[in-house]
């Protein structure tokens, strides 16, 4: 999901981002945390916001936090 936000020229609301995720990776995609826990796409943005990796702008668009760092835990959950 971070890849989608980072590599795209698009700016999405949370709802638009969920739709873009479904269109990119499928409706049943799950994401993984560095701890190895997997969760549905609907919870991924809340997780990233709670960990300080993503923020919502004043106009309600999703952006990566400037100090965000990516671990390698996501590699196990690609598919």
C-alpha atoms as a PDB file:
ATOM      1  CA  UNK A   1       0.000   0.000   0.000  1.00  0.00           C
ATOM      2  CA  UNK A   2       2.852   2.365   0.786  1.00  0.00           C
ATOM      3  CA  UNK A   3       4.242   1.615  -2.671  1.00  0.00           C
ATOM      4  CA  UNK A   4       0.935   2.649  -4.237  1.00  0.00           C
ATOM      5  CA  UNK A   5       0.892   5.940  -2.345  1.00  0.00           C
ATOM      6  CA  UNK A   6       4.569   6.653  -2.945  1.00  0.00           C
ATOM      7  CA  UNK A   7       4.779   5.720  -6.635  1.00  0.00           C
ATOM      8  CA  UNK A   8       1.530   7.272  -7.814  1.00  0.00           C
ATOM      9  CA  UNK A   9       0.908  10.834  -8.871  1.00  0.00           C
ATOM     10  CA  UNK A  10      -2.610  10.440  -7.502  1.00  0.00           C
ATOM     11  CA  UNK A  11      -3.822  11.804  -4.184  1.00  0.00           C
ATOM     12  CA  UNK A  12      -6.659   9.819  -2.676  1.00  0.00           C
ATOM     13  CA  UNK A  13      -9.145  10.090   0.116  1.00  0.00           C
ATOM     14  CA  UNK A  14      -9.151   6.965   2.320  1.00  0.00           C
ATOM     15  CA  UNK A  15     -12.128   5.570   0.394  1.00  0.00           C
ATOM     16  CA  UNK A  16     -10.469   6.199  -2.967  1.00  0.00           C
ATOM     17  CA  UNK A  17      -7.275   4.552  -1.722  1.00  0.00           C
ATOM     18  CA  UNK A  18      -9.167   1.394  -0.708  1.00  0.00           C
ATOM     19  CA  UNK A  19     -10.664   1.274  -4.206  1.00  0.00           C
ATOM     20  CA  UNK A  20      -7.222   1.776  -5.808  1.00  0.00           C
ATOM     21  CA  UNK A  21      -5.840  -1.059  -3.661  1.00  0.00           C
ATOM     22  CA  UNK A  22      -8.651  -3.359  -4.815  1.00  0.00           C
ATOM     23  CA  UNK A  23      -8.042  -2.416  -8.429  1.00  0.00           C
ATOM     24  CA  UNK A  24      -4.290  -2.983  -8.103  1.00  0.00           C
ATOM     25  CA  UNK A  25      -4.046  -6.128  -5.953  1.00  0.00           C
ATOM     26  CA  UNK A  26      -7.581  -7.544  -5.799  1.00  0.00           C
ATOM     27  CA  UNK A  27     -10.484  -7.275  -3.398  1.00  0.00           C
ATOM     28  CA  UNK A  28      -9.182  -9.927  -0.969  1.00  0.00           C
ATOM     29  CA  UNK A  29      -5.634  -8.591  -0.551  1.00  0.00           C
ATOM     30  CA  UNK A  30      -4.199  -8.522   2.974  1.00  0.00           C
ATOM     31  CA  UNK A  31      -1.272  -6.509   4.268  1.00  0.00           C
ATOM     32  CA  UNK A  32       1.353  -7.448   6.790  1.00  0.00           C
ATOM     33  CA  UNK A  33       3.015  -5.614   9.616  1.00  0.00           C
ATOM     34  CA  UNK A  34       6.678  -6.055  10.567  1.00  0.00           C
ATOM     35  CA  UNK A  35       5.416  -8.264  13.401  1.00  0.00           C
ATOM     36  CA  UNK A  36       4.138 -10.728  10.814  1.00  0.00           C
ATOM     37  CA  UNK A  37       0.446 -10.064  11.431  1.00  0.00           C
ATOM     38  CA  UNK A  38      -1.741  -9.820   8.323  1.00  0.00           C
ATOM     39  CA  UNK A  39      -4.884  -7.715   8.100  1.00  0.00           C
ATOM     40  CA  UNK A  40      -7.443  -6.695   5.447  1.00  0.00           C
ATOM     41  CA  UNK A  41      -6.905  -3.613   3.304  1.00  0.00           C
ATOM     42  CA  UNK A  42      -9.678  -1.783   5.169  1.00  0.00           C
ATOM     43  CA  UNK A  43      -7.505  -1.668   8.305  1.00  0.00           C
ATOM     44  CA  UNK A  44      -4.184  -0.895   6.636  1.00  0.00           C
ATOM     45  CA  UNK A  45      -4.566   2.888   6.510  1.00  0.00           C
ATOM     46  CA  UNK A  46      -5.586   3.115  10.181  1.00  0.00           C
ATOM     47  CA  UNK A  47      -2.549   0.979  11.028  1.00  0.00           C
ATOM     48  CA  UNK A  48      -0.213   3.251   9.032  1.00  0.00           C
ATOM     49  CA  UNK A  49      -1.687   6.387  10.612  1.00  0.00           C
ATOM     50  CA  UNK A  50      -1.415   4.923  14.134  1.00  0.00           C
ATOM     51  CA  UNK A  51       2.261   4.091  13.477  1.00  0.00           C
ATOM     52  CA  UNK A  52       3.017   7.566  12.100  1.00  0.00           C
ATOM     53  CA  UNK A  53       3.737   6.280   8.586  1.00  0.00           C
ATOM     54  CA  UNK A  54       0.820   8.049   6.883  1.00  0.00           C
ATOM     55  CA  UNK A  55      -1.198  11.177   7.577  1.00  0.00           C
ATOM     56  CA  UNK A  56      -4.350  12.808   6.280  1.00  0.00           C
ATOM     57  CA  UNK A  57      -3.913  16.281   4.810  1.00  0.00           C
ATOM     58  CA  UNK A  58      -6.224  19.165   5.648  1.00  0.00           C
ATOM     59  CA  UNK A  59      -8.257  18.345   2.536  1.00  0.00           C
ATOM     60  CA  UNK A  60      -8.652  14.680   3.582  1.00  0.00           C
ATOM     61  CA  UNK A  61      -6.064  13.157   1.227  1.00  0.00           C
ATOM     62  CA  UNK A  62      -3.674  10.378   2.233  1.00  0.00           C
ATOM     63  CA  UNK A  63       0.049  11.191   2.315  1.00  0.00           C
ATOM     64  CA  UNK A  64       3.131   9.424   3.628  1.00  0.00           C
ATOM     65  CA  UNK A  65       4.638  10.947   6.743  1.00  0.00           C
ATOM     66  CA  UNK A  66       7.957  12.619   5.833  1.00  0.00           C
ATOM     67  CA  UNK A  67       9.889  10.565   8.414  1.00  0.00           C
ATOM     68  CA  UNK A  68       8.297   7.228   7.452  1.00  0.00           C
ATOM     69  CA  UNK A  69      10.601   4.191   7.233  1.00  0.00           C
ATOM     70  CA  UNK A  70       9.714   0.832   5.684  1.00  0.00           C
ATOM     71  CA  UNK A  71      10.774  -2.488   7.214  1.00  0.00           C
ATOM     72  CA  UNK A  72      11.137  -5.711   5.211  1.00  0.00           C
ATOM     73  CA  UNK A  73       8.181  -7.478   6.856  1.00  0.00           C
ATOM     74  CA  UNK A  74       5.935  -6.726   3.890  1.00  0.00           C
ATOM     75  CA  UNK A  75       7.886  -9.029   1.565  1.00  0.00           C
ATOM     76  CA  UNK A  76       6.249 -12.164   3.005  1.00  0.00           C
ATOM     77  CA  UNK A  77       2.753 -10.904   2.186  1.00  0.00           C
ATOM     78  CA  UNK A  78       3.183  -9.917  -1.444  1.00  0.00           C
ATOM     79  CA  UNK A  79       0.822 -11.617  -3.820  1.00  0.00           C
END
